[in-house]
Protein backbone atom coordinates (compact mmCIF):
# COMPACT_ATOMS: atom_id res chain seq x y z
CA MET A 1 0.25 -42.70 -79.97
CA PHE A 2 3.29 -41.48 -82.05
CA HIS A 3 6.26 -43.62 -82.64
CA THR A 4 9.71 -42.91 -84.01
CA THR A 5 12.96 -44.95 -84.53
CA ASN A 6 16.17 -43.43 -85.27
CA LYS A 7 19.21 -44.79 -87.22
CA HIS A 8 20.78 -46.30 -84.09
CA ASN A 9 17.51 -48.30 -83.70
CA THR A 10 16.71 -46.32 -80.41
CA SER A 11 12.92 -45.74 -80.47
CA PHE A 12 10.62 -43.70 -78.31
CA GLU A 13 6.90 -43.26 -78.22
CA VAL A 14 4.55 -40.63 -77.12
CA ALA A 15 0.84 -40.73 -76.07
CA ILE A 16 -1.43 -37.80 -76.92
CA LYS A 17 -4.32 -37.04 -74.63
CA VAL A 18 -6.91 -34.98 -76.61
CA LEU A 19 -9.17 -32.76 -74.56
CA ASP A 20 -12.32 -31.09 -76.05
CA LYS A 21 -12.29 -27.35 -75.03
CA PHE A 22 -16.17 -27.08 -75.37
CA LYS A 23 -17.05 -30.08 -73.43
CA LEU A 24 -14.52 -29.28 -70.70
CA ARG A 25 -15.00 -25.54 -70.71
CA ASP A 26 -15.91 -25.51 -66.93
CA SER A 27 -12.77 -27.54 -66.14
CA ILE A 28 -10.10 -25.60 -68.04
CA ASP A 29 -8.58 -24.29 -64.87
CA TYR A 30 -8.25 -27.85 -63.50
CA ILE A 31 -6.59 -28.94 -66.81
CA MET A 32 -4.13 -25.98 -66.57
CA GLU A 33 -3.34 -27.00 -62.95
CA GLU A 34 -2.72 -30.65 -64.04
CA ILE A 35 -0.33 -29.43 -66.81
CA ALA A 36 1.49 -27.17 -64.35
CA ILE A 37 1.93 -30.09 -61.94
CA LEU A 38 3.12 -32.49 -64.58
CA ASN A 39 5.66 -29.97 -65.82
CA HIS A 40 6.94 -29.55 -62.39
CA LEU A 41 7.32 -33.25 -61.54
CA ASP A 42 10.35 -35.21 -62.80
CA HIS A 43 10.94 -38.79 -61.65
CA PRO A 44 11.56 -42.05 -63.30
CA ASN A 45 8.41 -43.64 -61.63
CA ILE A 46 6.09 -40.87 -62.83
CA VAL A 47 4.71 -40.52 -66.25
CA LYS A 48 6.82 -38.00 -68.36
CA TYR A 49 5.07 -34.93 -69.70
CA TYR A 50 6.58 -33.39 -72.87
CA GLU A 51 4.43 -30.57 -74.19
CA THR A 52 0.99 -28.99 -74.59
CA TYR A 53 -0.54 -27.90 -77.92
CA ASN A 54 -3.59 -25.85 -78.53
CA ASP A 55 -5.91 -25.21 -81.34
CA THR A 56 -9.49 -23.63 -81.46
CA LYS A 57 -11.20 -26.76 -80.41
CA TYR A 58 -8.80 -29.00 -78.60
CA ILE A 59 -5.89 -29.13 -76.08
CA TYR A 60 -3.32 -31.84 -76.83
CA LEU A 61 -1.28 -33.21 -73.95
CA VAL A 62 1.84 -34.98 -75.24
CA MET A 63 3.13 -37.45 -72.70
CA GLU A 64 5.17 -40.58 -72.34
CA TYR A 65 3.70 -43.69 -73.96
CA ILE A 66 3.80 -46.54 -71.50
CA SER A 67 3.80 -49.97 -72.94
CA GLY A 68 2.53 -52.31 -70.38
CA GLN A 69 -0.69 -52.65 -68.32
CA PRO A 70 -2.41 -51.07 -65.33
CA LEU A 71 -1.72 -52.61 -61.96
CA PHE A 72 -5.39 -53.31 -61.73
CA THR A 73 -5.15 -55.66 -64.68
CA LYS A 74 -2.16 -57.41 -63.19
CA ILE A 75 -4.08 -57.87 -59.95
CA THR A 76 -7.05 -59.40 -61.75
CA GLN A 77 -4.84 -61.74 -63.77
CA GLN A 78 -3.21 -63.24 -60.60
CA THR A 79 -4.24 -66.86 -60.45
CA ASN A 80 -4.45 -66.77 -56.61
CA SER A 81 -5.45 -63.01 -56.50
CA ALA A 82 -2.25 -62.16 -54.54
CA PHE A 83 1.33 -61.21 -55.31
CA THR A 84 4.32 -62.62 -53.61
CA GLU A 85 5.79 -60.20 -51.05
CA VAL A 86 8.92 -59.86 -53.29
CA VAL A 87 6.87 -58.60 -56.23
CA ALA A 88 4.70 -56.40 -53.98
CA ALA A 89 7.70 -54.86 -52.33
CA LYS A 90 9.29 -54.14 -55.76
CA TYR A 91 6.18 -52.24 -56.83
CA MET A 92 5.60 -50.51 -53.57
CA LYS A 93 9.23 -49.27 -53.23
CA GLN A 94 8.92 -47.48 -56.55
CA LEU A 95 5.53 -46.10 -55.56
CA PHE A 96 6.94 -44.70 -52.34
CA GLN A 97 9.78 -43.11 -54.32
CA ALA A 98 7.22 -41.52 -56.75
CA ILE A 99 4.97 -40.18 -54.03
CA ASN A 100 8.00 -38.98 -52.06
CA HIS A 101 8.88 -36.87 -55.09
CA CYS A 102 5.31 -35.45 -55.20
CA HIS A 103 5.17 -34.75 -51.52
CA ALA A 104 8.60 -33.11 -51.48
CA GLN A 105 7.09 -30.45 -53.83
CA ASN A 106 3.86 -30.25 -51.95
CA VAL A 107 1.80 -32.05 -54.61
CA VAL A 108 -0.96 -34.39 -53.45
CA HIS A 109 -2.03 -37.01 -56.06
CA ARG A 110 -5.49 -37.56 -54.40
CA ASP A 111 -6.42 -40.47 -56.68
CA ILE A 112 -3.95 -43.29 -56.15
CA LYS A 113 -5.52 -46.60 -57.13
CA PRO A 114 -4.48 -49.61 -59.26
CA ASP A 115 -6.04 -48.04 -62.39
CA ASN A 116 -3.71 -45.09 -62.14
CA ILE A 117 -0.54 -47.20 -61.74
CA MET A 118 1.05 -48.54 -64.91
CA ILE A 119 3.51 -51.47 -64.90
CA THR A 120 5.80 -51.24 -67.94
CA ASP A 121 6.93 -54.13 -70.07
CA ASN A 122 10.25 -53.89 -68.08
CA ASP A 123 8.21 -54.44 -64.89
CA SER A 124 8.71 -50.92 -63.50
CA VAL A 125 6.15 -48.61 -62.12
CA ARG A 126 4.64 -45.36 -63.46
CA LEU A 127 2.27 -43.23 -61.52
CA ILE A 128 -0.15 -41.67 -63.94
CA ASP A 129 -3.34 -39.54 -64.15
CA PHE A 130 -2.76 -36.33 -62.21
CA GLY A 131 -6.25 -34.99 -63.11
CA LEU A 132 -7.17 -34.71 -59.43
CA ALA A 133 -3.82 -33.71 -58.23
CA LYS A 134 -3.39 -30.52 -56.15
CA ALA A 135 -0.46 -28.37 -55.28
CA LYS A 136 -0.68 -27.13 -51.83
CA LYS A 137 1.25 -24.41 -50.23
CA PRO A 138 4.04 -25.41 -47.79
CA GLY A 139 3.22 -25.50 -44.18
CA LYS A 140 -0.13 -26.43 -42.53
CA GLN A 141 -2.56 -25.51 -45.23
CA LEU A 142 -5.06 -28.35 -45.66
CA LEU A 143 -7.00 -29.35 -48.80
CA LYS A 144 -10.84 -29.48 -48.31
CA THR A 145 -12.35 -30.80 -51.41
CA VAL A 146 -13.37 -34.43 -51.19
CA ALA A 147 -11.69 -36.11 -54.12
CA GLY A 148 -10.63 -39.60 -55.20
CA THR A 149 -12.02 -43.15 -55.41
CA PRO A 150 -14.10 -44.31 -52.39
CA TYR A 151 -12.34 -47.54 -51.41
CA TYR A 152 -8.93 -45.71 -51.45
CA MET A 153 -9.90 -42.45 -49.59
CA SER A 154 -8.43 -41.69 -46.27
CA PRO A 155 -10.45 -40.73 -43.15
CA GLU A 156 -9.29 -37.15 -43.34
CA VAL A 157 -10.38 -36.78 -46.95
CA LEU A 158 -13.83 -37.81 -45.94
CA ASP A 159 -13.64 -35.19 -43.18
CA GLY A 160 -12.61 -32.55 -45.70
CA ALA A 161 -9.27 -31.51 -44.19
CA TYR A 162 -6.16 -33.33 -45.36
CA GLY A 163 -2.64 -33.03 -46.66
CA THR A 164 0.01 -35.31 -48.36
CA LYS A 165 -0.49 -38.32 -46.10
CA ALA A 166 -3.78 -39.01 -47.64
CA ASP A 167 -1.74 -40.62 -50.49
CA ILE A 168 0.15 -42.89 -48.02
CA TRP A 169 -3.31 -44.22 -46.83
CA SER A 170 -4.21 -44.98 -50.47
CA LEU A 171 -0.85 -46.81 -50.89
CA GLY A 172 -1.71 -48.75 -47.74
CA VAL A 173 -4.86 -49.99 -49.35
CA ILE A 174 -2.92 -50.99 -52.39
CA LEU A 175 -0.35 -52.88 -50.44
CA TYR A 176 -3.15 -54.70 -48.51
CA THR A 177 -4.71 -55.67 -51.86
CA LEU A 178 -1.42 -56.78 -53.41
CA VAL A 179 -0.64 -59.36 -50.78
CA SER A 180 -4.20 -60.59 -50.07
CA GLY A 181 -6.38 -60.01 -53.12
CA TYR A 182 -8.93 -58.20 -50.95
CA LEU A 183 -9.72 -54.56 -50.23
CA PRO A 184 -9.24 -53.73 -46.49
CA PHE A 185 -12.52 -51.76 -46.26
CA GLN A 186 -15.57 -53.35 -47.70
CA GLY A 187 -19.23 -53.06 -47.17
CA SER A 188 -22.65 -53.50 -48.85
CA ASN A 189 -22.93 -49.76 -49.65
CA GLN A 190 -20.74 -46.54 -49.69
CA THR A 191 -21.96 -45.44 -46.31
CA GLU A 192 -20.83 -48.72 -44.65
CA VAL A 193 -17.44 -48.47 -46.54
CA PHE A 194 -16.90 -44.92 -45.40
CA ALA A 195 -17.81 -45.84 -41.79
CA LYS A 196 -15.14 -48.58 -41.71
CA ILE A 197 -12.55 -46.21 -43.29
CA LYS A 198 -13.26 -43.48 -40.64
CA SER A 199 -12.78 -46.05 -37.78
CA GLY A 200 -9.86 -47.74 -39.47
CA SER A 201 -11.66 -51.03 -39.15
CA PHE A 202 -9.72 -53.62 -41.06
CA HIS A 203 -8.27 -57.12 -40.24
CA PHE A 204 -5.80 -59.68 -41.29
CA ASN A 205 -8.16 -62.73 -40.95
CA HIS A 206 -8.25 -63.61 -44.57
CA PRO A 207 -6.50 -67.02 -45.15
CA GLU A 208 -4.01 -65.39 -47.60
CA PHE A 209 -2.53 -63.42 -44.69
CA LEU A 210 -1.24 -66.59 -43.03
CA ALA A 211 1.57 -66.55 -45.54
CA VAL A 212 2.27 -62.78 -45.17
CA SER A 213 5.21 -61.67 -43.05
CA GLN A 214 4.71 -59.71 -39.82
CA GLU A 215 6.89 -56.99 -41.33
CA CYS A 216 4.37 -56.55 -44.02
CA LYS A 217 1.42 -56.42 -41.71
CA ASP A 218 3.27 -53.92 -39.56
CA LEU A 219 3.84 -51.57 -42.50
CA ILE A 220 0.20 -51.85 -43.60
CA THR A 221 -0.97 -50.97 -40.04
CA LYS A 222 1.41 -47.99 -39.98
CA MET A 223 -0.01 -46.74 -43.40
CA LEU A 224 -3.64 -47.47 -42.45
CA THR A 225 -3.46 -45.43 -39.23
CA VAL A 226 -6.49 -43.11 -38.87
CA ASN A 227 -4.60 -40.32 -37.05
CA GLU A 228 -2.83 -38.66 -39.89
CA SER A 229 -0.11 -37.17 -37.65
CA LYS A 230 0.93 -40.75 -36.50
CA ARG A 231 0.73 -42.27 -39.99
CA ILE A 232 4.06 -43.24 -41.60
CA THR A 233 5.62 -41.03 -44.18
CA GLY A 234 6.92 -42.21 -47.59
CA THR A 235 10.58 -41.69 -46.53
CA GLU A 236 9.96 -43.64 -43.32
CA ALA A 237 8.30 -46.46 -45.47
CA LEU A 238 11.35 -46.70 -47.71
CA ARG A 239 13.35 -47.44 -44.49
CA HIS A 240 10.89 -49.87 -43.11
CA PRO A 241 12.16 -53.43 -42.42
CA TRP A 242 9.73 -54.96 -44.96
CA ILE A 243 11.05 -52.83 -47.79
CA LEU A 244 14.70 -53.39 -46.74
CA LYS A 245 14.04 -57.24 -46.59
CA PHE A 246 11.85 -57.80 -49.59
CA GLY A 247 12.38 -54.86 -51.87
CA THR A 248 15.94 -55.74 -52.70
CA THR A 249 17.67 -58.41 -54.91
CA ASP A 250 18.98 -61.23 -52.74
CA GLY A 251 19.12 -58.68 -49.91
CA VAL A 252 21.10 -56.15 -51.92
CA ASP A 253 19.67 -52.74 -52.70
CA GLU A 254 20.75 -52.13 -56.26
CA ALA A 255 20.65 -48.37 -56.14
CA ALA A 256 22.34 -48.16 -52.75
CA ASN A 257 25.16 -50.43 -53.87
CA ALA A 258 25.57 -49.12 -57.32
CA LYS A 259 29.14 -48.19 -58.23
CA ILE A 260 28.95 -44.59 -59.40
CA SER A 261 31.50 -44.11 -62.22
CA ASP A 262 34.18 -41.35 -61.68
CA ASP A 263 33.29 -40.20 -65.17
CA VAL A 264 29.71 -39.54 -64.12
CA LEU A 265 30.75 -37.22 -61.31
CA VAL A 266 33.44 -35.50 -63.44
CA ARG A 267 30.75 -34.65 -66.01
CA LEU A 268 28.47 -33.40 -63.20
CA LYS A 269 31.28 -31.07 -61.85
CA SER A 270 32.19 -29.80 -65.38
CA PHE A 271 28.71 -28.95 -66.59
CA LYS A 272 29.66 -25.27 -66.69
CA GLY A 273 29.05 -22.31 -68.92
CA VAL A 274 26.12 -23.99 -70.64
CA SER A 275 23.49 -21.63 -72.14
CA THR A 276 19.85 -21.73 -70.99
CA LEU A 277 18.83 -22.74 -74.46
CA LYS A 278 21.15 -25.82 -74.34
CA LYS A 279 19.91 -26.69 -70.79
CA ALA A 280 16.34 -26.44 -72.08
CA ALA A 281 17.21 -28.64 -75.14
CA MET A 282 19.07 -31.31 -73.05
CA ASN A 283 16.24 -31.49 -70.40
CA LEU A 284 13.86 -32.18 -73.25
CA LEU A 285 16.14 -34.65 -74.99
CA VAL A 286 16.78 -36.87 -71.96
CA LYS A 287 13.09 -37.45 -71.49
CA THR A 288 13.24 -39.57 -74.72
CA ALA A 289 15.64 -41.89 -73.19
CA GLY A 290 14.66 -45.53 -72.72
CA GLU A 291 14.94 -47.22 -69.29
CA THR A 292 17.89 -49.48 -70.43
CA GLU A 293 19.84 -46.49 -71.91
CA VAL A 294 19.94 -44.65 -68.61
CA HIS A 295 19.88 -47.63 -66.15
CA GLU A 296 23.27 -46.93 -64.60
CA LEU A 297 22.66 -43.18 -64.39
CA ARG A 298 19.35 -43.76 -62.71
CA MET A 299 21.08 -46.03 -60.06
CA ALA A 300 23.63 -43.43 -59.56
CA PHE A 301 20.98 -40.68 -59.05
CA GLN A 302 19.06 -42.72 -56.53
CA GLN A 303 22.21 -43.60 -54.63
CA ILE A 304 23.03 -39.83 -54.31
CA ASP A 305 19.41 -39.05 -53.56
CA THR A 306 19.61 -40.51 -50.01
CA ASP A 307 16.29 -39.24 -48.79
CA GLY A 308 14.44 -40.64 -51.72
CA THR A 309 12.66 -37.40 -52.82
CA GLY A 310 13.93 -37.46 -56.45
CA LEU A 311 15.90 -34.32 -55.77
CA ILE A 312 19.55 -34.02 -55.10
CA LYS A 313 20.35 -31.41 -52.46
CA ALA A 314 23.62 -29.75 -51.73
CA GLU A 315 24.44 -31.89 -48.72
CA GLU A 316 23.81 -35.09 -50.73
CA LEU A 317 26.01 -33.98 -53.52
CA GLN A 318 28.75 -32.96 -50.97
CA ALA A 319 28.50 -36.42 -49.29
CA ILE A 320 29.00 -38.40 -52.56
CA LEU A 321 31.88 -36.18 -53.76
CA THR A 322 33.59 -36.60 -50.30
CA GLN A 323 33.01 -40.33 -50.45
CA LYS A 324 34.79 -40.43 -53.91
CA HIS A 325 37.60 -38.25 -52.57
CA MET A 326 36.55 -35.40 -54.88
CA GLN A 327 36.78 -32.51 -52.41
CA ALA A 328 34.54 -29.42 -52.98
CA SER A 329 33.77 -26.46 -50.79
CA SER A 330 30.20 -25.41 -50.04
CA GLU A 331 30.70 -22.63 -52.54
CA GLU A 332 31.73 -24.98 -55.29
CA ILE A 333 28.89 -27.31 -54.55
CA ALA A 334 26.48 -24.31 -54.85
CA GLU A 335 28.03 -23.35 -58.12
CA ILE A 336 27.75 -26.91 -59.61
CA ILE A 337 24.03 -26.92 -58.65
CA HIS A 338 23.63 -23.49 -60.13
CA GLN A 339 25.13 -24.63 -63.45
CA ILE A 340 22.87 -27.70 -63.64
CA ASP A 341 19.69 -26.28 -62.09
CA TYR A 342 17.63 -25.32 -65.16
CA HIS A 343 14.34 -25.18 -63.04
CA ASP A 344 15.96 -22.88 -60.45
CA ASN A 345 14.94 -24.63 -57.32
CA LYS A 346 18.43 -24.91 -55.89
CA MET A 347 18.41 -28.74 -56.33
CA ILE A 348 19.10 -31.16 -59.08
CA ASN A 349 16.17 -33.08 -60.50
CA TYR A 350 16.27 -36.30 -62.55
CA SER A 351 16.24 -34.75 -65.94
CA GLU A 352 18.77 -32.19 -65.00
CA PHE A 353 21.13 -34.93 -63.61
CA LEU A 354 20.71 -36.92 -66.87
CA ALA A 355 21.27 -33.79 -69.02
CA ALA A 356 24.54 -33.20 -67.08
CA THR A 357 25.96 -36.68 -67.07
CA ILE A 358 24.72 -38.49 -70.13
CA ASP A 359 27.27 -39.45 -72.76
CA THR A 360 26.02 -37.15 -75.60
CA LYS A 361 28.27 -38.76 -78.27
CA ASN A 362 26.11 -41.88 -78.26
CA PHE A 363 22.87 -40.36 -77.16
CA LEU A 364 22.30 -37.45 -79.62
CA THR A 365 20.87 -38.88 -82.68
CA ASP A 366 19.13 -37.30 -85.78
CA SER A 367 15.71 -38.16 -84.62
CA ARG A 368 16.20 -36.83 -81.20
CA LEU A 369 17.73 -33.58 -82.45
CA LYS A 370 14.59 -33.27 -84.71
CA VAL A 371 12.43 -33.65 -81.68
CA VAL A 372 14.14 -30.74 -79.92
CA PHE A 373 14.30 -28.59 -82.98
CA ASN A 374 10.48 -29.00 -83.39
CA GLN A 375 10.02 -27.94 -79.81
CA PHE A 376 11.62 -24.67 -80.53
CA ASP A 377 10.31 -24.27 -84.01
CA THR A 378 6.85 -23.21 -82.53
CA ASP A 379 5.43 -21.96 -85.77
CA GLY A 380 6.62 -24.83 -87.99
CA SER A 381 8.52 -22.59 -90.30
CA GLY A 382 11.62 -24.80 -90.38
CA PHE A 383 13.65 -22.05 -88.76
CA ILE A 384 14.18 -21.09 -85.06
CA THR A 385 13.84 -17.41 -84.49
CA LYS A 386 14.24 -15.31 -81.35
CA GLN A 387 10.42 -15.34 -81.12
CA ASN A 388 10.34 -19.02 -81.30
CA ILE A 389 12.74 -19.44 -78.53
CA TYR A 390 10.78 -16.97 -76.37
CA LEU A 391 7.62 -18.99 -76.91
CA ALA A 392 9.23 -22.29 -76.36
CA MET A 393 10.90 -21.44 -73.09
């Protein structure tokens, strides 16, 4: 772990994952795919990836340091082995948002389990460990490799033909466990467990379920549906009555009811004529922002992102500008997105939104500028050359 604090007492930390090239020589392709996936994903509930460094012996993955504990640890520390539905819904809502972002970009995590979910000190969720993740081509292409952790595998994974909804099944197992303290599919051996998974054989007979709402049981049932085509999606889950009832504060969805400052939208519209270098620098810098620093901007982003994919589309941007009486033609909307869209996917992702709307006067500090300088100073010479920029981009 690396820790730095700037003169404004804003600190950020990174975790460094060290991989031995010799020991993992047969897995290098998988490691490169994991890096490519992490570099592509950008969501407040997914661990942030910063950079990769290589030397003759090791690969170093520089990522967000998450101060907190795995969900598995929080489950085992529960005095009655179960969470309240309010807490469970808070975590599940963030997990649905994270997995929606993955699925919107055709990424299947394939190993969702409590060990791969971190709960920060601020009690927010981070989905981690994309070592088994796979990017599938859009359309009907199915993955075939059986991957994951047995208790959380879906029936179609065991059959060797699956897609993104395998992750929804895994989240269904997690929700069942959160509210009861039990795994839905248990057996004396792996064969017995797999047989129950394939038949979808689970029940709500544990005493703990007497206190669990019908809405929660309904959502679990829809997630643990054997027929993948009939299984609920992440977007549908976010709109399920249980999330709407329990995943809010006093019945109020904080993001949906956030008041978006006109200044934020003005900065969004005026982010023009910015060089590719500055876009790259700002997209890196905003990843160092702490949760409290960008809380209001995150709420604004999630309010604009009405389908919960972690990507703002043209029609979503058009809708919020119209709502705020800031009229813009379809051509103007396309131009706004073009100016902000550093990753060239015709949408605005989370970091791009922050880069365009954050108040740089208070955000840009000496230590943060040093981080981005070091990113471009690839040879450590203390100077940024054309070759450095080429290598860093």
